[in-house]
Amino acid sequence: MVVDLQPAFSHPDSPWFTPSLGNVSQRIAKLVPLYGERVVFTRFVPPAQPSGSWVPYYEKWPFALEKSADWLWDVDEPWRGRKSIASHTFGKWTPEAIALLGPEPRVTICGVSTDCCVLATVFAAVDGGAQVRLVEDGCAAKTQKAHEQAMAMMASRAPQLTVVTVADEIARLGGKTP
């Protein structure tokens, strides 16, 4: 599962730009071919009508609700058009994800932002019974400190969660770095 690799976080013109995502995307690109068609990309998309706690959130980030921001919500190239699920919530462990991955799945997760959407997805997956492999160097946050703090919280979920690296996954899957 590749969480929210989309222009909202990868493009410098986005208010949510995550500078370290460029390098992280290159590492993710080494993993995607090894998983083939099993890869599920997720997309954060704003709701048509915010409600509850999302009302003040979008008061803080009104650009996201503007029609001119629609280009931010697709999956980044070169993965545009691949299997994806969309959610207006931070966590992407949705009924659609569960249906795609099956009951009690083993899932490898990477993406952005380590301290928000990745964290919410990982905790929900673990809570839902998934065995999670979290690719530490396949995740990005706005700051290195935020990344490290989120990783420490998630790593504390062992043995339900195993922290791995891109190199670990390449070796485990018997792949060669493209």
N, C-alpha and C. Protein backbone atom coordinates (compact mmCIF):
# COMPACT_ATOMS: atom_id res chain seq x y z
N MET A 1 0.85 -1.17 0.00
CA MET A 1 0.00 0.00 0.00
C MET A 1 0.89 1.23 0.00
N VAL A 2 0.72 2.07 -1.00
CA VAL A 2 1.47 3.32 -1.11
C VAL A 2 0.51 4.45 -0.77
N VAL A 3 0.77 5.11 0.34
CA VAL A 3 -0.14 6.12 0.88
C VAL A 3 0.15 7.50 0.29
N ASP A 4 -0.83 8.00 -0.44
CA ASP A 4 -0.94 9.41 -0.85
C ASP A 4 0.24 9.99 -1.63
N LEU A 5 0.81 9.21 -2.52
CA LEU A 5 1.83 9.75 -3.43
C LEU A 5 1.09 10.52 -4.51
N GLN A 6 0.90 11.80 -4.28
CA GLN A 6 0.11 12.63 -5.18
C GLN A 6 0.63 14.06 -5.14
N PRO A 7 0.31 14.87 -6.16
CA PRO A 7 0.84 16.23 -6.23
C PRO A 7 0.57 17.08 -5.00
N ALA A 8 -0.47 16.78 -4.25
CA ALA A 8 -0.76 17.55 -3.03
C ALA A 8 0.44 17.57 -2.09
N PHE A 9 1.27 16.53 -2.18
CA PHE A 9 2.42 16.41 -1.29
C PHE A 9 3.76 16.45 -2.04
N SER A 10 3.74 16.16 -3.32
CA SER A 10 4.99 16.08 -4.08
C SER A 10 5.31 17.32 -4.90
N HIS A 11 4.32 18.15 -5.17
CA HIS A 11 4.55 19.31 -6.05
C HIS A 11 4.88 20.56 -5.23
N PRO A 12 5.95 21.27 -5.60
CA PRO A 12 6.37 22.45 -4.83
C PRO A 12 5.33 23.56 -4.77
N ASP A 13 4.37 23.60 -5.68
CA ASP A 13 3.34 24.64 -5.65
C ASP A 13 2.21 24.34 -4.68
N SER A 14 2.20 23.16 -4.10
CA SER A 14 1.15 22.79 -3.15
C SER A 14 1.49 23.30 -1.75
N PRO A 15 0.51 23.85 -1.04
CA PRO A 15 0.77 24.26 0.35
C PRO A 15 1.17 23.09 1.26
N TRP A 16 0.88 21.87 0.85
CA TRP A 16 1.22 20.69 1.63
C TRP A 16 2.50 20.00 1.12
N PHE A 17 3.27 20.69 0.30
CA PHE A 17 4.50 20.12 -0.26
C PHE A 17 5.39 19.55 0.83
N THR A 18 5.88 18.36 0.59
CA THR A 18 6.76 17.65 1.52
C THR A 18 8.11 17.47 0.82
N PRO A 19 9.09 18.30 1.12
CA PRO A 19 10.35 18.31 0.38
C PRO A 19 11.05 16.95 0.28
N SER A 20 11.02 16.16 1.32
CA SER A 20 11.74 14.87 1.29
C SER A 20 11.04 13.81 0.44
N LEU A 21 9.85 14.10 -0.03
CA LEU A 21 9.10 13.09 -0.79
C LEU A 21 9.78 12.76 -2.12
N GLY A 22 10.52 13.67 -2.71
CA GLY A 22 11.21 13.38 -3.97
C GLY A 22 12.15 12.19 -3.83
N ASN A 23 13.00 12.21 -2.82
CA ASN A 23 13.92 11.09 -2.60
C ASN A 23 13.18 9.83 -2.20
N VAL A 24 12.17 9.98 -1.37
CA VAL A 24 11.39 8.82 -0.93
C VAL A 24 10.68 8.18 -2.13
N SER A 25 10.14 8.98 -3.03
CA SER A 25 9.47 8.45 -4.22
C SER A 25 10.41 7.60 -5.07
N GLN A 26 11.67 8.02 -5.14
CA GLN A 26 12.65 7.23 -5.90
C GLN A 26 12.86 5.87 -5.25
N ARG A 27 12.85 5.83 -3.93
CA ARG A 27 12.99 4.54 -3.24
C ARG A 27 11.74 3.69 -3.42
N ILE A 28 10.57 4.31 -3.34
CA ILE A 28 9.32 3.58 -3.56
C ILE A 28 9.28 2.99 -4.97
N ALA A 29 9.82 3.73 -5.93
CA ALA A 29 9.86 3.26 -7.32
C ALA A 29 10.63 1.95 -7.45
N LYS A 30 11.53 1.66 -6.53
CA LYS A 30 12.27 0.39 -6.56
C LYS A 30 11.40 -0.75 -6.05
N LEU A 31 10.42 -0.44 -5.21
CA LEU A 31 9.56 -1.47 -4.64
C LEU A 31 8.35 -1.81 -5.50
N VAL A 32 7.75 -0.81 -6.11
CA VAL A 32 6.49 -1.01 -6.83
C VAL A 32 6.57 -2.16 -7.83
N PRO A 33 7.61 -2.25 -8.66
CA PRO A 33 7.64 -3.37 -9.62
C PRO A 33 7.71 -4.74 -8.95
N LEU A 34 8.29 -4.79 -7.76
CA LEU A 34 8.42 -6.07 -7.06
C LEU A 34 7.09 -6.59 -6.55
N TYR A 35 6.15 -5.69 -6.31
CA TYR A 35 4.81 -6.07 -5.86
C TYR A 35 3.82 -6.18 -7.02
N GLY A 36 4.18 -5.64 -8.18
CA GLY A 36 3.35 -5.76 -9.37
C GLY A 36 1.94 -5.24 -9.19
N GLU A 37 0.98 -6.04 -9.61
CA GLU A 37 -0.43 -5.63 -9.58
C GLU A 37 -1.02 -5.65 -8.17
N ARG A 38 -0.28 -6.15 -7.21
CA ARG A 38 -0.78 -6.17 -5.82
C ARG A 38 -0.71 -4.80 -5.16
N VAL A 39 -0.01 -3.85 -5.76
CA VAL A 39 0.14 -2.52 -5.16
C VAL A 39 -1.20 -1.79 -5.20
N VAL A 40 -1.55 -1.21 -4.07
CA VAL A 40 -2.72 -0.34 -3.97
C VAL A 40 -2.22 1.04 -3.60
N PHE A 41 -2.52 2.01 -4.42
CA PHE A 41 -2.19 3.41 -4.13
C PHE A 41 -3.40 4.04 -3.45
N THR A 42 -3.14 4.94 -2.52
CA THR A 42 -4.24 5.66 -1.89
C THR A 42 -4.14 7.12 -2.27
N ARG A 43 -5.29 7.79 -2.18
CA ARG A 43 -5.33 9.22 -2.49
C ARG A 43 -6.15 9.93 -1.42
N PHE A 44 -5.59 11.00 -0.89
CA PHE A 44 -6.37 11.89 -0.05
C PHE A 44 -7.16 12.80 -0.97
N VAL A 45 -8.46 12.89 -0.76
CA VAL A 45 -9.30 13.80 -1.54
C VAL A 45 -10.23 14.54 -0.59
N PRO A 46 -10.38 15.84 -0.77
CA PRO A 46 -11.27 16.60 0.10
C PRO A 46 -12.72 16.16 -0.11
N PRO A 47 -13.53 16.25 0.95
CA PRO A 47 -14.94 15.89 0.80
C PRO A 47 -15.69 16.98 0.03
N ALA A 48 -16.81 16.60 -0.56
CA ALA A 48 -17.64 17.58 -1.26
C ALA A 48 -18.14 18.63 -0.27
N GLN A 49 -18.50 18.17 0.92
CA GLN A 49 -19.01 19.07 1.96
C GLN A 49 -18.39 18.68 3.30
N PRO A 50 -17.42 19.44 3.79
CA PRO A 50 -16.82 19.09 5.08
C PRO A 50 -17.85 19.13 6.21
N SER A 51 -17.65 18.22 7.17
CA SER A 51 -18.51 18.21 8.34
C SER A 51 -17.66 17.90 9.57
N GLY A 52 -18.24 18.13 10.72
CA GLY A 52 -17.55 17.84 11.97
C GLY A 52 -16.23 18.58 12.09
N SER A 53 -15.20 17.87 12.54
CA SER A 53 -13.88 18.49 12.74
C SER A 53 -13.22 18.90 11.43
N TRP A 54 -13.76 18.40 10.31
CA TRP A 54 -13.21 18.78 9.02
C TRP A 54 -13.57 20.22 8.64
N VAL A 55 -14.61 20.80 9.24
CA VAL A 55 -14.98 22.19 8.93
C VAL A 55 -13.84 23.14 9.30
N PRO A 56 -13.35 23.13 10.56
CA PRO A 56 -12.22 24.03 10.86
C PRO A 56 -10.94 23.65 10.13
N TYR A 57 -10.77 22.35 9.82
CA TYR A 57 -9.59 21.94 9.07
C TYR A 57 -9.56 22.65 7.72
N TYR A 58 -10.69 22.65 7.01
CA TYR A 58 -10.72 23.29 5.69
C TYR A 58 -10.86 24.81 5.78
N GLU A 59 -11.21 25.32 6.95
CA GLU A 59 -11.10 26.76 7.15
C GLU A 59 -9.62 27.16 7.19
N LYS A 60 -8.80 26.26 7.75
CA LYS A 60 -7.36 26.50 7.79
C LYS A 60 -6.73 26.28 6.41
N TRP A 61 -7.26 25.31 5.62
CA TRP A 61 -6.71 24.95 4.32
C TRP A 61 -7.77 25.10 3.21
N PRO A 62 -8.30 26.31 3.00
CA PRO A 62 -9.39 26.47 2.03
C PRO A 62 -9.00 26.16 0.58
N PHE A 63 -7.72 26.27 0.25
CA PHE A 63 -7.28 25.98 -1.12
C PHE A 63 -7.74 24.59 -1.56
N ALA A 64 -7.77 23.64 -0.63
CA ALA A 64 -8.05 22.25 -0.97
C ALA A 64 -9.47 22.05 -1.50
N LEU A 65 -10.38 22.93 -1.16
CA LEU A 65 -11.77 22.81 -1.61
C LEU A 65 -12.05 23.54 -2.92
N GLU A 66 -11.07 24.28 -3.40
CA GLU A 66 -11.25 25.04 -4.63
C GLU A 66 -11.11 24.14 -5.85
N LYS A 67 -11.93 24.38 -6.85
CA LYS A 67 -11.88 23.60 -8.10
C LYS A 67 -10.48 23.66 -8.72
N SER A 68 -9.79 24.76 -8.56
CA SER A 68 -8.45 24.92 -9.14
C SER A 68 -7.43 23.97 -8.50
N ALA A 69 -7.79 23.34 -7.38
CA ALA A 69 -6.87 22.41 -6.71
C ALA A 69 -7.08 20.96 -7.15
N ASP A 70 -8.01 20.71 -8.05
CA ASP A 70 -8.31 19.33 -8.45
C ASP A 70 -7.09 18.56 -8.95
N TRP A 71 -6.13 19.24 -9.55
CA TRP A 71 -4.94 18.57 -10.08
C TRP A 71 -4.08 17.95 -8.98
N LEU A 72 -4.31 18.32 -7.74
CA LEU A 72 -3.52 17.82 -6.63
C LEU A 72 -3.90 16.40 -6.18
N TRP A 73 -5.06 15.91 -6.60
CA TRP A 73 -5.62 14.72 -5.96
C TRP A 73 -5.43 13.42 -6.72
N ASP A 74 -4.80 13.43 -7.87
CA ASP A 74 -4.53 12.18 -8.59
C ASP A 74 -3.24 11.55 -8.06
N VAL A 75 -2.99 10.31 -8.42
CA VAL A 75 -1.74 9.65 -8.05
C VAL A 75 -0.62 10.24 -8.91
N ASP A 76 0.56 10.40 -8.33
CA ASP A 76 1.72 10.91 -9.07
C ASP A 76 2.06 10.02 -10.26
N GLU A 77 2.67 10.65 -11.26
CA GLU A 77 3.29 9.89 -12.34
C GLU A 77 4.49 9.18 -11.74
N PRO A 78 4.85 8.04 -12.15
CA PRO A 78 4.35 7.27 -13.30
C PRO A 78 3.25 6.28 -12.94
N TRP A 79 2.63 6.45 -11.77
CA TRP A 79 1.66 5.46 -11.30
C TRP A 79 0.22 5.87 -11.54
N ARG A 80 0.02 7.00 -12.17
CA ARG A 80 -1.35 7.44 -12.47
C ARG A 80 -2.04 6.35 -13.28
N GLY A 81 -3.25 6.05 -12.93
CA GLY A 81 -4.00 5.03 -13.64
C GLY A 81 -3.90 3.65 -13.00
N ARG A 82 -3.00 3.49 -12.03
CA ARG A 82 -2.90 2.22 -11.31
C ARG A 82 -4.06 2.09 -10.33
N LYS A 83 -4.24 0.90 -9.78
CA LYS A 83 -5.29 0.64 -8.81
C LYS A 83 -5.12 1.61 -7.64
N SER A 84 -6.20 2.35 -7.33
CA SER A 84 -6.13 3.29 -6.21
C SER A 84 -7.47 3.37 -5.49
N ILE A 85 -7.38 3.78 -4.25
CA ILE A 85 -8.57 4.06 -3.47
C ILE A 85 -8.46 5.48 -2.95
N ALA A 86 -9.59 6.15 -2.83
CA ALA A 86 -9.60 7.54 -2.38
C ALA A 86 -10.39 7.64 -1.08
N SER A 87 -9.95 8.54 -0.22
CA SER A 87 -10.65 8.78 1.04
C SER A 87 -10.42 10.22 1.45
N HIS A 88 -11.44 10.81 2.06
CA HIS A 88 -11.28 12.17 2.58
C HIS A 88 -10.80 12.17 4.03
N THR A 89 -10.38 10.99 4.51
CA THR A 89 -9.85 10.89 5.87
C THR A 89 -8.34 10.67 5.81
N PHE A 90 -7.67 10.95 6.92
CA PHE A 90 -6.24 10.72 6.97
C PHE A 90 -5.92 9.23 6.81
N GLY A 91 -6.60 8.40 7.55
CA GLY A 91 -6.37 6.97 7.48
C GLY A 91 -6.96 6.37 6.22
N LYS A 92 -6.21 5.48 5.60
CA LYS A 92 -6.66 4.85 4.35
C LYS A 92 -7.01 3.38 4.55
N TRP A 93 -7.09 2.93 5.79
CA TRP A 93 -7.52 1.57 6.07
C TRP A 93 -9.05 1.59 6.08
N THR A 94 -9.60 1.69 4.90
CA THR A 94 -11.04 1.87 4.68
C THR A 94 -11.69 0.54 4.32
N PRO A 95 -13.01 0.47 4.33
CA PRO A 95 -13.66 -0.76 3.87
C PRO A 95 -13.22 -1.18 2.46
N GLU A 96 -12.97 -0.21 1.59
CA GLU A 96 -12.49 -0.53 0.24
C GLU A 96 -11.10 -1.17 0.28
N ALA A 97 -10.22 -0.65 1.12
CA ALA A 97 -8.87 -1.23 1.26
C ALA A 97 -8.97 -2.65 1.82
N ILE A 98 -9.80 -2.83 2.82
CA ILE A 98 -9.96 -4.15 3.43
C ILE A 98 -10.51 -5.14 2.40
N ALA A 99 -11.46 -4.70 1.58
CA ALA A 99 -12.01 -5.57 0.54
C ALA A 99 -10.95 -5.97 -0.48
N LEU A 100 -10.07 -5.03 -0.83
CA LEU A 100 -9.00 -5.32 -1.79
C LEU A 100 -7.94 -6.25 -1.20
N LEU A 101 -7.61 -6.05 0.07
CA LEU A 101 -6.50 -6.78 0.68
C LEU A 101 -6.94 -8.04 1.42
N GLY A 102 -8.23 -8.18 1.66
CA GLY A 102 -8.74 -9.38 2.30
C GLY A 102 -8.63 -9.35 3.81
N PRO A 103 -9.29 -10.31 4.47
CA PRO A 103 -9.26 -10.35 5.92
C PRO A 103 -7.88 -10.78 6.44
N GLU A 104 -7.47 -10.19 7.52
CA GLU A 104 -6.20 -10.49 8.17
C GLU A 104 -5.02 -10.49 7.18
N PRO A 105 -4.86 -9.42 6.40
CA PRO A 105 -3.79 -9.40 5.40
C PRO A 105 -2.43 -9.15 6.01
N ARG A 106 -1.44 -9.47 5.21
CA ARG A 106 -0.06 -9.04 5.46
C ARG A 106 0.15 -7.92 4.46
N VAL A 107 0.47 -6.75 4.95
CA VAL A 107 0.54 -5.58 4.08
C VAL A 107 1.82 -4.80 4.37
N THR A 108 2.46 -4.35 3.30
CA THR A 108 3.63 -3.48 3.40
C THR A 108 3.15 -2.08 3.09
N ILE A 109 3.49 -1.11 3.94
CA ILE A 109 3.00 0.26 3.80
C ILE A 109 4.16 1.23 3.71
N CYS A 110 4.03 2.19 2.79
CA CYS A 110 4.97 3.30 2.66
C CYS A 110 4.18 4.51 2.17
N GLY A 111 4.80 5.69 2.15
CA GLY A 111 4.12 6.86 1.62
C GLY A 111 4.33 8.11 2.45
N VAL A 112 3.33 8.97 2.39
CA VAL A 112 3.40 10.30 2.99
C VAL A 112 2.07 10.62 3.67
N SER A 113 2.02 11.27 4.66
CA SER A 113 3.02 11.80 5.54
C SER A 113 3.15 10.87 6.74
N THR A 114 4.37 10.55 7.08
CA THR A 114 4.65 9.60 8.14
C THR A 114 3.84 9.91 9.40
N ASP A 115 3.76 11.19 9.76
CA ASP A 115 3.12 11.61 11.01
C ASP A 115 1.63 11.89 10.88
N CYS A 116 1.03 11.58 9.74
CA CYS A 116 -0.40 11.85 9.58
C CYS A 116 -1.07 10.66 8.88
N CYS A 117 -1.11 10.67 7.57
CA CYS A 117 -1.84 9.64 6.83
C CYS A 117 -1.22 8.25 6.97
N VAL A 118 0.10 8.16 6.97
CA VAL A 118 0.74 6.85 7.16
C VAL A 118 0.44 6.35 8.56
N LEU A 119 0.64 7.19 9.56
CA LEU A 119 0.40 6.81 10.94
C LEU A 119 -1.05 6.36 11.15
N ALA A 120 -2.00 7.13 10.66
CA ALA A 120 -3.42 6.78 10.82
C ALA A 120 -3.74 5.47 10.11
N THR A 121 -3.17 5.25 8.95
CA THR A 121 -3.41 4.02 8.19
C THR A 121 -2.80 2.82 8.91
N VAL A 122 -1.57 2.97 9.36
CA VAL A 122 -0.88 1.87 10.04
C VAL A 122 -1.61 1.47 11.31
N PHE A 123 -1.96 2.44 12.15
CA PHE A 123 -2.65 2.10 13.40
C PHE A 123 -3.99 1.43 13.13
N ALA A 124 -4.73 1.90 12.15
CA ALA A 124 -6.02 1.28 11.83
C ALA A 124 -5.83 -0.13 11.28
N ALA A 125 -4.80 -0.33 10.45
CA ALA A 125 -4.53 -1.66 9.89
C ALA A 125 -4.17 -2.64 10.99
N VAL A 126 -3.27 -2.23 11.89
CA VAL A 126 -2.88 -3.09 13.00
C VAL A 126 -4.10 -3.38 13.87
N ASP A 127 -4.88 -2.36 14.15
CA ASP A 127 -6.06 -2.52 14.98
C ASP A 127 -7.08 -3.46 14.32
N GLY A 128 -7.08 -3.46 12.99
CA GLY A 128 -7.98 -4.33 12.23
C GLY A 128 -7.46 -5.74 12.04
N GLY A 129 -6.29 -6.05 12.58
CA GLY A 129 -5.75 -7.40 12.52
C GLY A 129 -4.73 -7.65 11.43
N ALA A 130 -4.35 -6.62 10.68
CA ALA A 130 -3.35 -6.81 9.63
C ALA A 130 -1.96 -6.94 10.25
N GLN A 131 -1.14 -7.75 9.61
CA GLN A 131 0.28 -7.84 9.95
C GLN A 131 0.97 -6.84 9.03
N VAL A 132 1.58 -5.80 9.59
CA VAL A 132 2.10 -4.67 8.81
C VAL A 132 3.62 -4.69 8.77
N ARG A 133 4.16 -4.45 7.56
CA ARG A 133 5.57 -4.16 7.35
C ARG A 133 5.61 -2.69 6.94
N LEU A 134 6.25 -1.87 7.73
CA LEU A 134 6.32 -0.43 7.49
C LEU A 134 7.70 -0.09 6.98
N VAL A 135 7.76 0.47 5.78
CA VAL A 135 9.04 0.79 5.13
C VAL A 135 9.49 2.17 5.59
N GLU A 136 10.41 2.19 6.55
CA GLU A 136 10.84 3.44 7.17
C GLU A 136 11.41 4.43 6.16
N ASP A 137 12.30 4.00 5.29
CA ASP A 137 12.89 4.93 4.32
C ASP A 137 12.01 5.07 3.07
N GLY A 138 10.82 4.53 3.14
CA GLY A 138 9.81 4.70 2.09
C GLY A 138 8.69 5.61 2.56
N CYS A 139 8.94 6.35 3.64
CA CYS A 139 7.96 7.29 4.18
C CYS A 139 8.60 8.67 4.30
N ALA A 140 7.76 9.70 4.16
CA ALA A 140 8.24 11.08 4.24
C ALA A 140 7.29 11.90 5.10
N ALA A 141 7.86 12.88 5.80
CA ALA A 141 7.10 13.85 6.58
C ALA A 141 7.67 15.23 6.30
N LYS A 142 6.97 16.25 6.74
CA LYS A 142 7.44 17.62 6.52
C LYS A 142 8.82 17.85 7.10
N THR A 143 9.07 17.22 8.26
CA THR A 143 10.38 17.37 8.90
C THR A 143 10.93 16.00 9.29
N GLN A 144 12.23 15.92 9.42
CA GLN A 144 12.86 14.67 9.86
C GLN A 144 12.43 14.32 11.28
N LYS A 145 12.30 15.33 12.12
CA LYS A 145 11.88 15.10 13.51
C LYS A 145 10.47 14.49 13.55
N ALA A 146 9.55 15.03 12.77
CA ALA A 146 8.18 14.49 12.73
C ALA A 146 8.20 13.05 12.24
N HIS A 147 9.01 12.77 11.22
CA HIS A 147 9.16 11.41 10.70
C HIS A 147 9.66 10.47 11.80
N GLU A 148 10.72 10.86 12.47
CA GLU A 148 11.32 10.01 13.51
C GLU A 148 10.36 9.77 14.67
N GLN A 149 9.65 10.81 15.09
CA GLN A 149 8.70 10.64 16.20
C GLN A 149 7.56 9.69 15.81
N ALA A 150 7.03 9.86 14.62
CA ALA A 150 5.95 8.98 14.16
C ALA A 150 6.44 7.54 14.03
N MET A 151 7.65 7.37 13.49
CA MET A 151 8.21 6.03 13.35
C MET A 151 8.37 5.37 14.72
N ALA A 152 8.80 6.13 15.71
CA ALA A 152 8.97 5.57 17.06
C ALA A 152 7.63 5.10 17.62
N MET A 153 6.59 5.89 17.42
CA MET A 153 5.26 5.48 17.89
C MET A 153 4.79 4.21 17.20
N MET A 154 4.97 4.16 15.89
CA MET A 154 4.50 2.99 15.15
C MET A 154 5.33 1.76 15.47
N ALA A 155 6.65 1.93 15.61
CA ALA A 155 7.52 0.79 15.92
C ALA A 155 7.15 0.15 17.25
N SER A 156 6.53 0.91 18.13
CA SER A 156 6.13 0.36 19.43
C SER A 156 4.99 -0.65 19.31
N ARG A 157 4.46 -0.83 18.13
CA ARG A 157 3.35 -1.78 17.91
C ARG A 157 3.84 -3.19 17.58
N ALA A 158 5.15 -3.39 17.65
CA ALA A 158 5.68 -4.74 17.42
C ALA A 158 5.06 -5.69 18.45
N PRO A 159 4.76 -6.89 18.10
CA PRO A 159 5.07 -7.65 16.90
C PRO A 159 4.02 -7.56 15.80
N GLN A 160 2.97 -6.75 16.00
CA GLN A 160 1.97 -6.60 14.94
C GLN A 160 2.53 -5.83 13.75
N LEU A 161 3.58 -5.09 13.99
CA LEU A 161 4.18 -4.25 12.97
C LEU A 161 5.69 -4.47 13.00
N THR A 162 6.27 -4.59 11.81
CA THR A 162 7.71 -4.73 11.66
C THR A 162 8.21 -3.56 10.83
N VAL A 163 9.20 -2.85 11.34
CA VAL A 163 9.80 -1.75 10.59
C VAL A 163 10.90 -2.35 9.71
N VAL A 164 10.85 -2.01 8.42
CA VAL A 164 11.81 -2.52 7.44
C VAL A 164 12.33 -1.36 6.61
N THR A 165 13.32 -1.66 5.77
CA THR A 165 13.85 -0.67 4.82
C THR A 165 13.54 -1.14 3.40
N VAL A 166 13.74 -0.26 2.45
CA VAL A 166 13.59 -0.64 1.05
C VAL A 166 14.53 -1.80 0.73
N ALA A 167 15.76 -1.72 1.19
CA ALA A 167 16.73 -2.81 0.94
C ALA A 167 16.23 -4.12 1.53
N ASP A 168 15.65 -4.08 2.73
CA ASP A 168 15.09 -5.30 3.34
C ASP A 168 14.02 -5.91 2.43
N GLU A 169 13.15 -5.07 1.93
CA GLU A 169 12.05 -5.57 1.09
C GLU A 169 12.56 -6.11 -0.24
N ILE A 170 13.53 -5.45 -0.83
CA ILE A 170 14.11 -5.94 -2.08
C ILE A 170 14.72 -7.32 -1.84
N ALA A 171 15.46 -7.47 -0.75
CA ALA A 171 16.08 -8.76 -0.43
C ALA A 171 15.02 -9.81 -0.14
N ARG A 172 14.00 -9.46 0.62
CA ARG A 172 12.94 -10.42 0.98
C ARG A 172 12.19 -10.90 -0.25
N LEU A 173 11.98 -10.01 -1.19
CA LEU A 173 11.20 -10.35 -2.39
C LEU A 173 12.08 -10.91 -3.50
N GLY A 174 13.40 -11.00 -3.24
CA GLY A 174 14.31 -11.57 -4.22
C GLY A 174 14.48 -10.70 -5.45
N GLY A 175 14.20 -9.42 -5.29
CA GLY A 175 14.29 -8.52 -6.43
C GLY A 175 15.64 -7.89 -6.58
N LYS A 176 15.82 -7.33 -7.71
CA LYS A 176 17.01 -6.56 -7.99
C LYS A 176 16.59 -5.10 -8.09
N THR A 177 17.41 -4.21 -7.61
CA THR A 177 17.10 -2.80 -7.71
C THR A 177 17.05 -2.39 -9.18
N PRO A 178 15.89 -1.80 -9.60
CA PRO A 178 15.80 -1.39 -11.02
C PRO A 178 16.74 -0.25 -11.33
